N, C-alpha and C. Protein backbone atom coordinates (compact mmCIF):
# COMPACT_ATOMS: atom_id res chain seq x y z
N UNK A 1 -3.93 9.27 -9.94
CA UNK A 1 -3.81 9.49 -11.38
C UNK A 1 -4.50 10.80 -11.79
N UNK A 2 -5.67 11.05 -11.20
CA UNK A 2 -6.41 12.27 -11.53
C UNK A 2 -5.62 13.50 -11.08
N UNK A 3 -5.02 13.41 -9.89
CA UNK A 3 -4.22 14.54 -9.39
C UNK A 3 -3.00 14.76 -10.28
N UNK A 4 -2.42 13.70 -10.78
CA UNK A 4 -1.26 13.83 -11.66
C UNK A 4 -1.65 14.50 -12.98
N UNK A 5 -2.79 14.11 -13.53
CA UNK A 5 -3.28 14.75 -14.75
C UNK A 5 -3.58 16.23 -14.47
N UNK A 6 -4.19 16.50 -13.31
CA UNK A 6 -4.47 17.88 -12.92
C UNK A 6 -3.20 18.71 -12.81
N UNK A 7 -2.15 18.11 -12.26
CA UNK A 7 -0.87 18.82 -12.15
C UNK A 7 -0.32 19.14 -13.54
N UNK A 8 -0.45 18.22 -14.46
CA UNK A 8 -0.03 18.47 -15.84
C UNK A 8 -0.82 19.62 -16.46
N UNK A 9 -2.12 19.66 -16.18
CA UNK A 9 -2.95 20.75 -16.70
C UNK A 9 -2.57 22.10 -16.08
N UNK A 10 -2.21 22.09 -14.80
CA UNK A 10 -1.74 23.32 -14.16
C UNK A 10 -0.50 23.83 -14.87
N UNK A 11 0.43 22.92 -15.14
CA UNK A 11 1.66 23.31 -15.82
C UNK A 11 1.36 23.88 -17.20
N UNK A 12 0.45 23.25 -17.94
CA UNK A 12 0.08 23.76 -19.26
C UNK A 12 -0.56 25.14 -19.17
N UNK A 13 -1.43 25.36 -18.18
CA UNK A 13 -2.06 26.67 -18.01
C UNK A 13 -1.02 27.75 -17.73
N UNK A 14 -0.10 27.45 -16.84
CA UNK A 14 0.92 28.44 -16.49
C UNK A 14 1.84 28.69 -17.68
N UNK A 15 2.22 27.63 -18.39
CA UNK A 15 3.06 27.82 -19.58
C UNK A 15 2.35 28.67 -20.63
N UNK A 16 1.05 28.42 -20.84
CA UNK A 16 0.31 29.21 -21.80
C UNK A 16 0.20 30.67 -21.36
N UNK A 17 0.03 30.88 -20.05
CA UNK A 17 -0.04 32.24 -19.54
C UNK A 17 1.29 32.97 -19.76
N UNK A 18 2.40 32.31 -19.47
CA UNK A 18 3.72 32.91 -19.67
C UNK A 18 3.95 33.17 -21.16
N UNK A 19 3.59 32.20 -22.02
CA UNK A 19 3.73 32.37 -23.47
C UNK A 19 2.90 33.56 -23.94
N UNK A 20 1.66 33.64 -23.48
CA UNK A 20 0.80 34.75 -23.89
C UNK A 20 1.33 36.10 -23.43
N UNK A 21 1.86 36.13 -22.22
CA UNK A 21 2.32 37.40 -21.66
C UNK A 21 3.61 37.88 -22.32
N UNK A 22 4.58 36.98 -22.49
CA UNK A 22 5.90 37.42 -22.94
C UNK A 22 6.15 37.23 -24.44
N UNK A 23 5.46 36.33 -25.08
CA UNK A 23 5.67 36.11 -26.52
C UNK A 23 4.59 36.84 -27.33
N UNK A 24 3.33 36.61 -26.96
CA UNK A 24 2.23 37.22 -27.71
C UNK A 24 1.89 38.63 -27.23
N UNK A 25 2.42 39.01 -26.07
CA UNK A 25 2.13 40.30 -25.45
C UNK A 25 0.63 40.49 -25.24
N UNK A 26 -0.05 39.39 -24.96
CA UNK A 26 -1.50 39.40 -24.72
C UNK A 26 -1.79 38.35 -23.65
N UNK A 27 -1.84 38.77 -22.39
CA UNK A 27 -2.01 37.84 -21.29
C UNK A 27 -3.40 37.22 -21.30
N UNK A 28 -3.49 35.89 -21.36
CA UNK A 28 -4.80 35.24 -21.26
C UNK A 28 -5.28 35.30 -19.80
N UNK A 29 -6.37 36.02 -19.57
CA UNK A 29 -6.83 36.24 -18.20
C UNK A 29 -7.40 34.98 -17.57
N UNK A 30 -7.90 34.07 -18.37
CA UNK A 30 -8.52 32.86 -17.84
C UNK A 30 -7.50 31.85 -17.33
N UNK A 31 -6.27 31.91 -17.82
CA UNK A 31 -5.27 30.88 -17.50
C UNK A 31 -4.94 30.85 -16.01
N UNK A 32 -4.77 32.00 -15.40
CA UNK A 32 -4.43 32.03 -13.98
C UNK A 32 -5.59 31.52 -13.12
N UNK A 33 -6.81 31.94 -13.45
CA UNK A 33 -7.98 31.51 -12.68
C UNK A 33 -8.17 29.99 -12.81
N UNK A 34 -7.98 29.46 -14.02
CA UNK A 34 -8.12 28.02 -14.21
C UNK A 34 -7.02 27.27 -13.47
N UNK A 35 -5.80 27.79 -13.49
CA UNK A 35 -4.70 27.16 -12.76
C UNK A 35 -5.00 27.10 -11.27
N UNK A 36 -5.59 28.16 -10.72
CA UNK A 36 -5.94 28.17 -9.29
C UNK A 36 -7.00 27.12 -8.96
N UNK A 37 -7.99 26.99 -9.81
CA UNK A 37 -9.03 25.97 -9.60
C UNK A 37 -8.40 24.58 -9.67
N UNK A 38 -7.54 24.37 -10.64
CA UNK A 38 -6.88 23.06 -10.78
C UNK A 38 -5.96 22.76 -9.59
N UNK A 39 -5.28 23.78 -9.08
CA UNK A 39 -4.42 23.59 -7.91
C UNK A 39 -5.24 23.11 -6.72
N UNK A 40 -6.43 23.66 -6.56
CA UNK A 40 -7.30 23.20 -5.47
C UNK A 40 -7.63 21.71 -5.62
N UNK A 41 -7.97 21.30 -6.83
CA UNK A 41 -8.28 19.89 -7.06
C UNK A 41 -7.06 19.01 -6.81
N UNK A 42 -5.91 19.42 -7.32
CA UNK A 42 -4.68 18.63 -7.19
C UNK A 42 -4.29 18.48 -5.72
N UNK A 43 -4.28 19.58 -4.98
CA UNK A 43 -3.84 19.51 -3.58
C UNK A 43 -4.83 18.72 -2.73
N UNK A 44 -6.10 18.90 -2.97
CA UNK A 44 -7.08 18.16 -2.17
C UNK A 44 -7.04 16.66 -2.47
N UNK A 45 -6.93 16.30 -3.74
CA UNK A 45 -6.82 14.87 -4.07
C UNK A 45 -5.52 14.29 -3.55
N UNK A 46 -4.46 15.08 -3.59
CA UNK A 46 -3.18 14.63 -3.02
C UNK A 46 -3.29 14.41 -1.52
N UNK A 47 -4.08 15.24 -0.86
CA UNK A 47 -4.32 15.07 0.57
C UNK A 47 -5.04 13.75 0.84
N UNK A 48 -6.03 13.44 0.04
CA UNK A 48 -6.76 12.18 0.21
C UNK A 48 -5.83 10.98 0.00
N UNK A 49 -4.96 11.08 -0.98
CA UNK A 49 -4.00 9.99 -1.22
C UNK A 49 -3.05 9.86 -0.03
N UNK A 50 -2.68 10.99 0.57
CA UNK A 50 -1.83 10.96 1.76
C UNK A 50 -2.50 10.22 2.91
N UNK A 51 -3.80 10.40 3.06
CA UNK A 51 -4.53 9.65 4.09
C UNK A 51 -4.60 8.18 3.71
N UNK A 52 -4.83 7.90 2.45
CA UNK A 52 -4.90 6.51 1.98
C UNK A 52 -3.60 5.76 2.25
N UNK A 53 -2.47 6.46 2.06
CA UNK A 53 -1.17 5.83 2.25
C UNK A 53 -0.63 6.04 3.66
N UNK A 54 -1.49 6.53 4.57
CA UNK A 54 -1.13 6.78 5.97
C UNK A 54 0.07 7.71 6.06
N UNK A 55 0.10 8.72 5.21
CA UNK A 55 1.19 9.68 5.22
C UNK A 55 0.89 10.89 6.08
N UNK A 56 -0.24 10.89 6.76
CA UNK A 56 -0.61 12.02 7.61
C UNK A 56 0.07 11.90 8.97
N UNK A 57 -0.04 12.95 9.76
CA UNK A 57 0.51 12.93 11.11
C UNK A 57 -0.38 12.01 11.93
N UNK A 58 0.18 10.92 12.41
CA UNK A 58 -0.64 9.92 13.09
C UNK A 58 -0.28 9.70 14.54
N UNK A 59 0.25 10.69 15.19
CA UNK A 59 0.62 10.58 16.60
C UNK A 59 1.54 9.39 16.84
N UNK A 60 2.59 9.30 16.03
CA UNK A 60 3.53 8.19 16.11
C UNK A 60 4.22 8.10 17.46
N UNK A 61 4.51 9.24 18.08
CA UNK A 61 5.19 9.20 19.37
C UNK A 61 4.29 8.58 20.44
N UNK A 62 3.00 8.84 20.36
CA UNK A 62 2.06 8.23 21.29
C UNK A 62 1.99 6.72 21.08
N UNK A 63 2.01 6.30 19.81
CA UNK A 63 2.00 4.86 19.51
C UNK A 63 3.26 4.18 20.00
N UNK A 64 4.39 4.89 19.97
CA UNK A 64 5.66 4.28 20.37
C UNK A 64 5.69 3.96 21.86
N UNK A 65 5.03 4.76 22.69
CA UNK A 65 5.06 4.51 24.13
C UNK A 65 3.86 3.70 24.62
N UNK A 66 2.92 3.43 23.72
CA UNK A 66 1.72 2.69 24.08
C UNK A 66 2.05 1.19 24.23
N UNK A 67 1.52 0.53 25.27
CA UNK A 67 1.73 -0.91 25.41
C UNK A 67 1.15 -1.67 24.21
N UNK A 68 1.79 -2.74 23.83
CA UNK A 68 1.45 -3.50 22.63
C UNK A 68 -0.04 -3.89 22.54
N UNK A 69 -0.68 -4.36 23.62
CA UNK A 69 -2.08 -4.78 23.47
C UNK A 69 -3.02 -3.63 23.09
N UNK A 70 -2.61 -2.41 23.39
CA UNK A 70 -3.48 -1.26 23.13
C UNK A 70 -3.15 -0.51 21.83
N UNK A 71 -2.03 -0.88 21.20
CA UNK A 71 -1.58 -0.16 20.00
C UNK A 71 -2.61 -0.20 18.89
N UNK A 72 -3.15 -1.40 18.65
CA UNK A 72 -4.10 -1.54 17.55
C UNK A 72 -5.32 -0.65 17.79
N UNK A 73 -5.81 -0.60 19.00
CA UNK A 73 -7.00 0.19 19.29
C UNK A 73 -6.71 1.69 19.28
N UNK A 74 -5.50 2.05 19.63
CA UNK A 74 -5.12 3.46 19.52
C UNK A 74 -5.05 3.87 18.05
N UNK A 75 -4.52 2.97 17.21
CA UNK A 75 -4.48 3.25 15.77
C UNK A 75 -5.89 3.36 15.21
N UNK A 76 -6.80 2.49 15.66
CA UNK A 76 -8.20 2.57 15.23
C UNK A 76 -8.78 3.93 15.63
N UNK A 77 -8.48 4.35 16.86
CA UNK A 77 -8.96 5.64 17.35
C UNK A 77 -8.41 6.78 16.50
N UNK A 78 -7.13 6.72 16.16
CA UNK A 78 -6.52 7.77 15.34
C UNK A 78 -7.21 7.84 13.97
N UNK A 79 -7.45 6.69 13.36
CA UNK A 79 -8.13 6.69 12.05
C UNK A 79 -9.58 7.17 12.18
N UNK A 80 -10.21 6.88 13.31
CA UNK A 80 -11.58 7.37 13.53
C UNK A 80 -11.59 8.90 13.66
N UNK A 81 -10.59 9.45 14.32
CA UNK A 81 -10.49 10.92 14.44
C UNK A 81 -10.26 11.53 13.06
N UNK A 82 -9.40 10.91 12.26
CA UNK A 82 -9.16 11.41 10.89
C UNK A 82 -10.46 11.32 10.07
N UNK A 83 -11.21 10.24 10.25
CA UNK A 83 -12.50 10.11 9.56
C UNK A 83 -13.46 11.21 9.99
N UNK A 84 -13.46 11.53 11.28
CA UNK A 84 -14.31 12.62 11.77
C UNK A 84 -13.93 13.95 11.13
N UNK A 85 -12.63 14.17 10.96
CA UNK A 85 -12.18 15.37 10.26
C UNK A 85 -12.68 15.36 8.82
N UNK A 86 -12.64 14.18 8.18
CA UNK A 86 -13.14 14.06 6.80
C UNK A 86 -14.62 14.36 6.70
N UNK A 87 -15.39 13.93 7.71
CA UNK A 87 -16.82 14.23 7.73
C UNK A 87 -17.03 15.74 7.80
N UNK A 88 -16.27 16.40 8.66
CA UNK A 88 -16.37 17.86 8.78
C UNK A 88 -16.00 18.54 7.46
N UNK A 89 -14.95 18.05 6.82
CA UNK A 89 -14.55 18.62 5.52
C UNK A 89 -15.65 18.45 4.49
N UNK A 90 -16.20 17.25 4.39
CA UNK A 90 -17.23 16.98 3.39
C UNK A 90 -18.47 17.83 3.64
N UNK A 91 -18.90 17.87 4.87
CA UNK A 91 -20.12 18.63 5.20
C UNK A 91 -19.93 20.12 4.92
N UNK A 92 -18.87 20.69 5.46
CA UNK A 92 -18.65 22.13 5.29
C UNK A 92 -18.28 22.49 3.86
N UNK A 93 -17.57 21.60 3.16
CA UNK A 93 -17.23 21.85 1.76
C UNK A 93 -18.47 21.93 0.89
N UNK A 94 -19.41 20.99 1.10
CA UNK A 94 -20.64 21.04 0.29
C UNK A 94 -21.48 22.25 0.65
N UNK A 95 -21.46 22.64 1.93
CA UNK A 95 -22.19 23.83 2.36
C UNK A 95 -21.63 25.07 1.66
N UNK A 96 -20.31 25.22 1.69
CA UNK A 96 -19.67 26.37 1.03
C UNK A 96 -19.90 26.35 -0.48
N UNK A 97 -19.83 25.15 -1.07
CA UNK A 97 -20.05 25.05 -2.52
C UNK A 97 -21.46 25.50 -2.89
N UNK A 98 -22.45 25.04 -2.13
CA UNK A 98 -23.83 25.43 -2.42
C UNK A 98 -24.04 26.94 -2.25
N UNK A 99 -23.41 27.51 -1.21
CA UNK A 99 -23.57 28.93 -0.95
C UNK A 99 -22.92 29.80 -2.03
N UNK A 100 -21.87 29.30 -2.66
CA UNK A 100 -21.12 30.11 -3.63
C UNK A 100 -21.49 29.81 -5.08
N UNK A 101 -22.42 28.90 -5.32
CA UNK A 101 -22.76 28.54 -6.70
C UNK A 101 -23.41 29.68 -7.48
N UNK A 102 -24.02 30.63 -6.80
CA UNK A 102 -24.65 31.75 -7.50
C UNK A 102 -23.66 32.81 -7.95
N UNK A 103 -22.46 32.77 -7.43
CA UNK A 103 -21.43 33.74 -7.79
C UNK A 103 -20.54 33.15 -8.89
N UNK A 104 -20.02 33.98 -9.73
CA UNK A 104 -19.20 33.53 -10.86
C UNK A 104 -17.75 33.96 -10.71
N UNK A 105 -16.84 33.11 -11.19
CA UNK A 105 -15.44 33.49 -11.33
C UNK A 105 -15.39 34.34 -12.61
N UNK A 106 -15.08 35.61 -12.51
CA UNK A 106 -15.24 36.52 -13.66
C UNK A 106 -14.52 36.08 -14.93
N UNK A 107 -13.30 35.60 -14.81
CA UNK A 107 -12.53 35.28 -16.02
C UNK A 107 -12.87 33.91 -16.60
N UNK A 108 -13.58 33.08 -15.86
CA UNK A 108 -13.92 31.74 -16.35
C UNK A 108 -15.41 31.55 -16.58
N UNK A 109 -16.22 32.41 -16.03
CA UNK A 109 -17.68 32.32 -16.02
C UNK A 109 -18.16 30.98 -15.41
N UNK A 110 -17.32 30.36 -14.62
CA UNK A 110 -17.72 29.17 -13.87
C UNK A 110 -18.22 29.61 -12.50
N UNK A 111 -19.06 28.80 -11.86
CA UNK A 111 -19.51 29.18 -10.52
C UNK A 111 -18.36 29.15 -9.52
N UNK A 112 -18.37 30.11 -8.61
CA UNK A 112 -17.35 30.19 -7.56
C UNK A 112 -17.37 28.95 -6.67
N UNK A 113 -18.52 28.32 -6.59
CA UNK A 113 -18.66 27.12 -5.76
C UNK A 113 -17.79 25.96 -6.21
N UNK A 114 -17.31 26.01 -7.44
CA UNK A 114 -16.43 24.94 -7.94
C UNK A 114 -15.14 24.87 -7.13
N UNK A 115 -14.76 25.98 -6.51
CA UNK A 115 -13.55 26.00 -5.68
C UNK A 115 -13.71 25.16 -4.42
N UNK A 116 -14.94 24.90 -3.99
CA UNK A 116 -15.17 24.17 -2.75
C UNK A 116 -15.53 22.71 -2.99
N UNK A 117 -15.78 22.33 -4.22
CA UNK A 117 -16.09 20.93 -4.53
C UNK A 117 -14.94 19.99 -4.18
N UNK A 118 -13.67 20.36 -4.42
CA UNK A 118 -12.57 19.47 -4.04
C UNK A 118 -12.53 19.18 -2.54
N UNK A 119 -12.94 20.15 -1.72
CA UNK A 119 -12.96 19.93 -0.27
C UNK A 119 -13.97 18.85 0.07
N UNK A 120 -15.12 18.90 -0.57
CA UNK A 120 -16.17 17.91 -0.33
C UNK A 120 -15.71 16.52 -0.78
N UNK A 121 -15.16 16.45 -1.98
CA UNK A 121 -14.69 15.15 -2.51
C UNK A 121 -13.60 14.58 -1.61
N UNK A 122 -12.66 15.42 -1.21
CA UNK A 122 -11.57 14.96 -0.35
C UNK A 122 -12.09 14.51 1.00
N UNK A 123 -13.05 15.22 1.56
CA UNK A 123 -13.64 14.79 2.83
C UNK A 123 -14.25 13.41 2.74
N UNK A 124 -14.99 13.16 1.67
CA UNK A 124 -15.60 11.84 1.47
C UNK A 124 -14.52 10.77 1.32
N UNK A 125 -13.49 11.07 0.51
CA UNK A 125 -12.41 10.11 0.32
C UNK A 125 -11.66 9.83 1.62
N UNK A 126 -11.44 10.86 2.43
CA UNK A 126 -10.75 10.66 3.71
C UNK A 126 -11.56 9.74 4.61
N UNK A 127 -12.88 9.93 4.63
CA UNK A 127 -13.73 9.04 5.43
C UNK A 127 -13.61 7.61 4.93
N UNK A 128 -13.71 7.42 3.62
CA UNK A 128 -13.63 6.06 3.06
C UNK A 128 -12.28 5.41 3.32
N UNK A 129 -11.20 6.18 3.14
CA UNK A 129 -9.87 5.63 3.35
C UNK A 129 -9.62 5.34 4.83
N UNK A 130 -10.16 6.15 5.70
CA UNK A 130 -10.01 5.90 7.14
C UNK A 130 -10.77 4.63 7.54
N UNK A 131 -11.95 4.46 6.98
CA UNK A 131 -12.71 3.23 7.24
C UNK A 131 -11.93 2.02 6.72
N UNK A 132 -11.31 2.16 5.56
CA UNK A 132 -10.49 1.08 5.02
C UNK A 132 -9.37 0.71 5.98
N UNK A 133 -8.71 1.71 6.55
CA UNK A 133 -7.63 1.46 7.51
C UNK A 133 -8.15 0.80 8.78
N UNK A 134 -9.31 1.24 9.25
CA UNK A 134 -9.89 0.65 10.46
C UNK A 134 -10.23 -0.82 10.24
N UNK A 135 -10.83 -1.11 9.10
CA UNK A 135 -11.17 -2.51 8.78
C UNK A 135 -9.90 -3.34 8.67
N UNK A 136 -8.88 -2.80 8.03
CA UNK A 136 -7.61 -3.54 7.88
C UNK A 136 -6.97 -3.79 9.24
N UNK A 137 -7.02 -2.81 10.14
CA UNK A 137 -6.45 -3.00 11.47
C UNK A 137 -7.19 -4.09 12.24
N UNK A 138 -8.50 -4.07 12.15
CA UNK A 138 -9.30 -5.07 12.86
C UNK A 138 -9.05 -6.47 12.29
N UNK A 139 -8.92 -6.57 10.97
CA UNK A 139 -8.63 -7.86 10.33
C UNK A 139 -7.18 -8.28 10.47
N UNK A 140 -6.30 -7.34 10.82
CA UNK A 140 -4.89 -7.65 10.97
C UNK A 140 -4.13 -7.73 9.66
N UNK A 141 -4.59 -6.98 8.66
CA UNK A 141 -3.91 -6.95 7.36
C UNK A 141 -3.38 -5.54 7.10
N UNK A 142 -2.45 -5.42 6.16
CA UNK A 142 -1.88 -4.13 5.78
C UNK A 142 -2.65 -3.55 4.60
N UNK A 143 -2.80 -2.24 4.60
CA UNK A 143 -3.37 -1.54 3.45
C UNK A 143 -2.22 -1.28 2.49
N UNK A 144 -2.38 -1.77 1.27
CA UNK A 144 -1.33 -1.57 0.28
C UNK A 144 -1.35 -0.13 -0.21
N UNK A 145 -0.22 0.56 -0.15
CA UNK A 145 -0.19 1.97 -0.57
C UNK A 145 -0.57 2.13 -2.04
N UNK A 146 -1.15 3.30 -2.35
CA UNK A 146 -1.55 3.60 -3.72
C UNK A 146 -0.33 3.71 -4.64
N UNK A 147 0.77 4.26 -4.10
CA UNK A 147 1.99 4.43 -4.88
C UNK A 147 3.00 3.40 -4.40
N UNK A 148 3.30 2.44 -5.22
CA UNK A 148 4.30 1.42 -4.86
C UNK A 148 5.18 1.08 -6.03
């Protein structure tokens, strides 16, 4: 839902920028920079939802040739690898955000580190969603997709 609202805000920013440029003949400089920040949030949150709904590349061909008794554990391993990637994203995203907080986006006067916050949030969400999938696999239940 947050990503959907963010996408709507991106559209409004771009529309306002086009309106300012071609109708008012006065381009709002902040609109493009804000749209770029919002795109980062939208794409990163969309990525987390993709992991939640198991829409990522999950080595399906390997699962297809794997003997049935080992399939569940291979899926657990795949989700653990995805969780490890999420840990790396969260750690490095927060590191980059902290390092860039002293710099400003000129047209927004917001800290440059705000561009890296979505990476951190997405990394944490990927870890949580991967853990959810691992628990569901061990319990033998399905994770209900976010979009149904």
